[in-house]
Amino acid sequence: MNKLFDRLKEGGLKLTPQRLAIADYLKGNTSHPTAAKIYEDLKPQYPSMSMATIYNTLSTMAEMELIQELRLHKEQIHYDPDMSHHLHFFCRHCHSVIDVPHKEGIPDFKEFEKKTTNRIDHVSVALIGVCKKCLQKKQ
């Protein structure tokens, strides 16, 4: 986590308690939260925290490639601290995002980079459908 804090400092951000809380909230978080969800979860502990602080922190973290911005829905951006190349499943009903493990049928990103000498900065592949919970609600 100290590496993350150092990178945020390098990005010109003061390490305020609110910004540290956002970084800590995202560390290892697999729920792919939106800015609104982060605000909702942290606001009780940090009543003076503003949405602007959250958006500015998330934007800087994304620019520094510390988190991924997932634009899977026109109304929301989800944030993912897992910077490895992986896929996502997006539920079009509840808007949940789930990491998708992959093996066969998916390009070998590192092999592609090596063979072509291209550099991949971001992979954007999403599976869109209806999650198990939403399907069970319909039955």
Protein backbone atom coordinates (compact mmCIF):
# COMPACT_ATOMS: atom_id res chain seq x y z
CA MET A 1 0.00 0.00 0.00
CA ASN A 2 2.91 2.38 0.61
CA LYS A 3 3.80 2.11 -3.10
CA LEU A 4 0.31 3.31 -3.95
CA PHE A 5 0.60 6.24 -1.56
CA ASP A 6 3.98 7.16 -3.07
CA ARG A 7 2.51 7.07 -6.57
CA LEU A 8 -0.40 9.29 -5.48
CA LYS A 9 2.06 11.80 -4.04
CA GLU A 10 3.99 11.73 -7.31
CA GLY A 11 0.71 12.52 -9.05
CA GLY A 12 0.49 15.76 -7.08
CA LEU A 13 -2.18 14.70 -4.61
CA LYS A 14 -1.93 15.56 -0.95
CA LEU A 15 -2.42 12.41 1.06
CA THR A 16 -5.44 13.57 3.01
CA PRO A 17 -7.32 11.13 5.25
CA GLN A 18 -10.13 11.04 2.69
CA ARG A 19 -7.83 10.19 -0.22
CA LEU A 20 -6.06 7.56 1.83
CA ALA A 21 -9.47 6.10 2.71
CA ILE A 22 -10.40 5.90 -0.99
CA ALA A 23 -7.13 4.15 -1.82
CA ASP A 24 -7.56 1.76 1.10
CA TYR A 25 -11.20 1.07 0.09
CA LEU A 26 -10.08 0.06 -3.40
CA LYS A 27 -7.13 -2.07 -2.29
CA GLY A 28 -8.08 -5.66 -3.14
CA ASN A 29 -11.71 -4.66 -3.76
CA THR A 30 -13.33 -7.01 -6.27
CA SER A 31 -16.81 -5.44 -6.24
CA HIS A 32 -15.95 -2.90 -8.99
CA PRO A 33 -17.59 0.01 -7.14
CA THR A 34 -18.84 3.22 -8.68
CA ALA A 35 -17.85 6.64 -7.32
CA ALA A 36 -21.32 6.89 -5.77
CA LYS A 37 -20.87 3.56 -3.96
CA ILE A 38 -17.46 4.61 -2.63
CA TYR A 39 -18.99 7.90 -1.42
CA GLU A 40 -21.92 6.08 0.22
CA ASP A 41 -19.62 3.63 2.03
CA LEU A 42 -17.03 6.18 3.19
CA LYS A 43 -19.28 9.17 3.99
CA PRO A 44 -20.21 7.95 7.52
CA GLN A 45 -16.51 7.82 8.50
CA TYR A 46 -15.59 10.99 6.60
CA PRO A 47 -18.60 13.36 6.76
CA SER A 48 -16.66 16.21 5.15
CA MET A 49 -15.73 14.09 2.11
CA SER A 50 -17.13 15.42 -1.15
CA MET A 51 -17.93 13.69 -4.43
CA ALA A 52 -15.35 16.01 -6.03
CA THR A 53 -12.64 14.50 -3.83
CA ILE A 54 -13.71 11.02 -4.87
CA TYR A 55 -13.88 11.86 -8.59
CA ASN A 56 -10.55 13.71 -8.54
CA THR A 57 -8.81 10.89 -6.65
CA LEU A 58 -10.25 8.20 -8.93
CA SER A 59 -9.38 10.19 -12.03
CA THR A 60 -5.78 10.65 -10.90
CA MET A 61 -5.48 6.99 -9.95
CA ALA A 62 -6.79 5.95 -13.37
CA GLU A 63 -4.43 8.35 -15.17
CA MET A 64 -1.55 6.86 -13.21
CA GLU A 65 -2.74 3.35 -14.17
CA LEU A 66 -3.30 2.35 -10.57
CA ILE A 67 -6.94 1.44 -11.25
CA GLN A 68 -9.04 0.67 -14.32
CA GLU A 69 -12.11 2.64 -15.31
CA LEU A 70 -14.76 0.25 -16.58
CA ARG A 71 -17.29 1.95 -18.84
CA LEU A 72 -19.74 -0.91 -19.14
CA HIS A 73 -22.90 1.15 -18.87
CA LYS A 74 -23.62 4.61 -20.23
CA GLU A 75 -24.65 5.98 -16.84
CA GLN A 76 -21.92 4.57 -14.58
CA ILE A 77 -18.19 4.07 -14.40
CA HIS A 78 -16.98 1.18 -12.27
CA TYR A 79 -13.47 1.09 -10.83
CA ASP A 80 -11.21 -1.94 -10.63
CA PRO A 81 -7.87 -1.97 -8.76
CA ASP A 82 -6.86 -5.20 -10.53
CA MET A 83 -4.65 -3.95 -13.35
CA SER A 84 -3.98 -7.41 -14.79
CA HIS A 85 -5.49 -8.18 -18.18
CA HIS A 86 -8.81 -9.86 -17.49
CA LEU A 87 -12.42 -9.84 -18.62
CA HIS A 88 -15.61 -8.66 -16.94
CA PHE A 89 -19.22 -9.83 -16.90
CA PHE A 90 -21.74 -6.98 -16.62
CA CYS A 91 -25.32 -7.66 -15.53
CA ARG A 92 -27.63 -5.42 -17.53
CA HIS A 93 -30.29 -5.66 -14.81
CA CYS A 94 -28.52 -4.93 -11.50
CA HIS A 95 -25.32 -3.47 -13.03
CA SER A 96 -23.06 -5.75 -11.02
CA VAL A 97 -19.60 -6.47 -12.46
CA ILE A 98 -17.87 -9.81 -12.01
CA ASP A 99 -14.30 -10.77 -12.95
CA VAL A 100 -14.20 -13.56 -15.51
CA PRO A 101 -11.38 -16.09 -15.33
CA HIS A 102 -10.21 -17.09 -18.77
CA LYS A 103 -8.03 -19.68 -20.40
CA GLU A 104 -8.94 -20.87 -23.87
CA GLY A 105 -10.32 -18.70 -26.62
CA ILE A 106 -8.81 -15.51 -25.23
CA PRO A 107 -5.75 -14.01 -26.86
CA ASP A 108 -2.46 -14.36 -25.05
CA PHE A 109 -1.84 -10.66 -24.45
CA LYS A 110 1.80 -11.02 -23.45
CA GLU A 111 2.57 -13.22 -26.46
CA PHE A 112 0.91 -10.66 -28.74
CA GLU A 113 3.04 -7.87 -27.25
CA LYS A 114 6.18 -9.93 -27.60
CA LYS A 115 5.55 -10.97 -31.23
CA THR A 116 4.37 -7.60 -32.49
CA THR A 117 6.35 -5.28 -30.18
CA ASN A 118 3.10 -3.41 -29.51
CA ARG A 119 2.37 -2.32 -25.95
CA ILE A 120 -1.06 -3.05 -24.51
CA ASP A 121 -2.14 -0.40 -22.01
CA HIS A 122 -5.71 -1.49 -21.55
CA VAL A 123 -7.92 -4.38 -22.61
CA SER A 124 -11.62 -3.76 -22.90
CA VAL A 125 -13.72 -6.87 -23.41
CA ALA A 126 -17.00 -7.26 -21.57
CA LEU A 127 -19.50 -10.05 -21.41
CA ILE A 128 -22.98 -8.58 -21.00
CA GLY A 129 -25.98 -10.53 -19.78
CA VAL A 130 -28.02 -11.30 -16.69
CA CYS A 131 -26.40 -12.47 -13.45
CA LYS A 132 -27.49 -15.50 -11.43
CA LYS A 133 -29.22 -13.40 -8.75
CA CYS A 134 -31.33 -11.53 -11.30
CA LEU A 135 -32.20 -14.75 -13.11
CA GLN A 136 -33.34 -16.34 -9.84
CA LYS A 137 -35.52 -13.30 -9.05
CA LYS A 138 -37.36 -13.74 -12.36
CA GLN A 139 -38.25 -17.38 -11.64
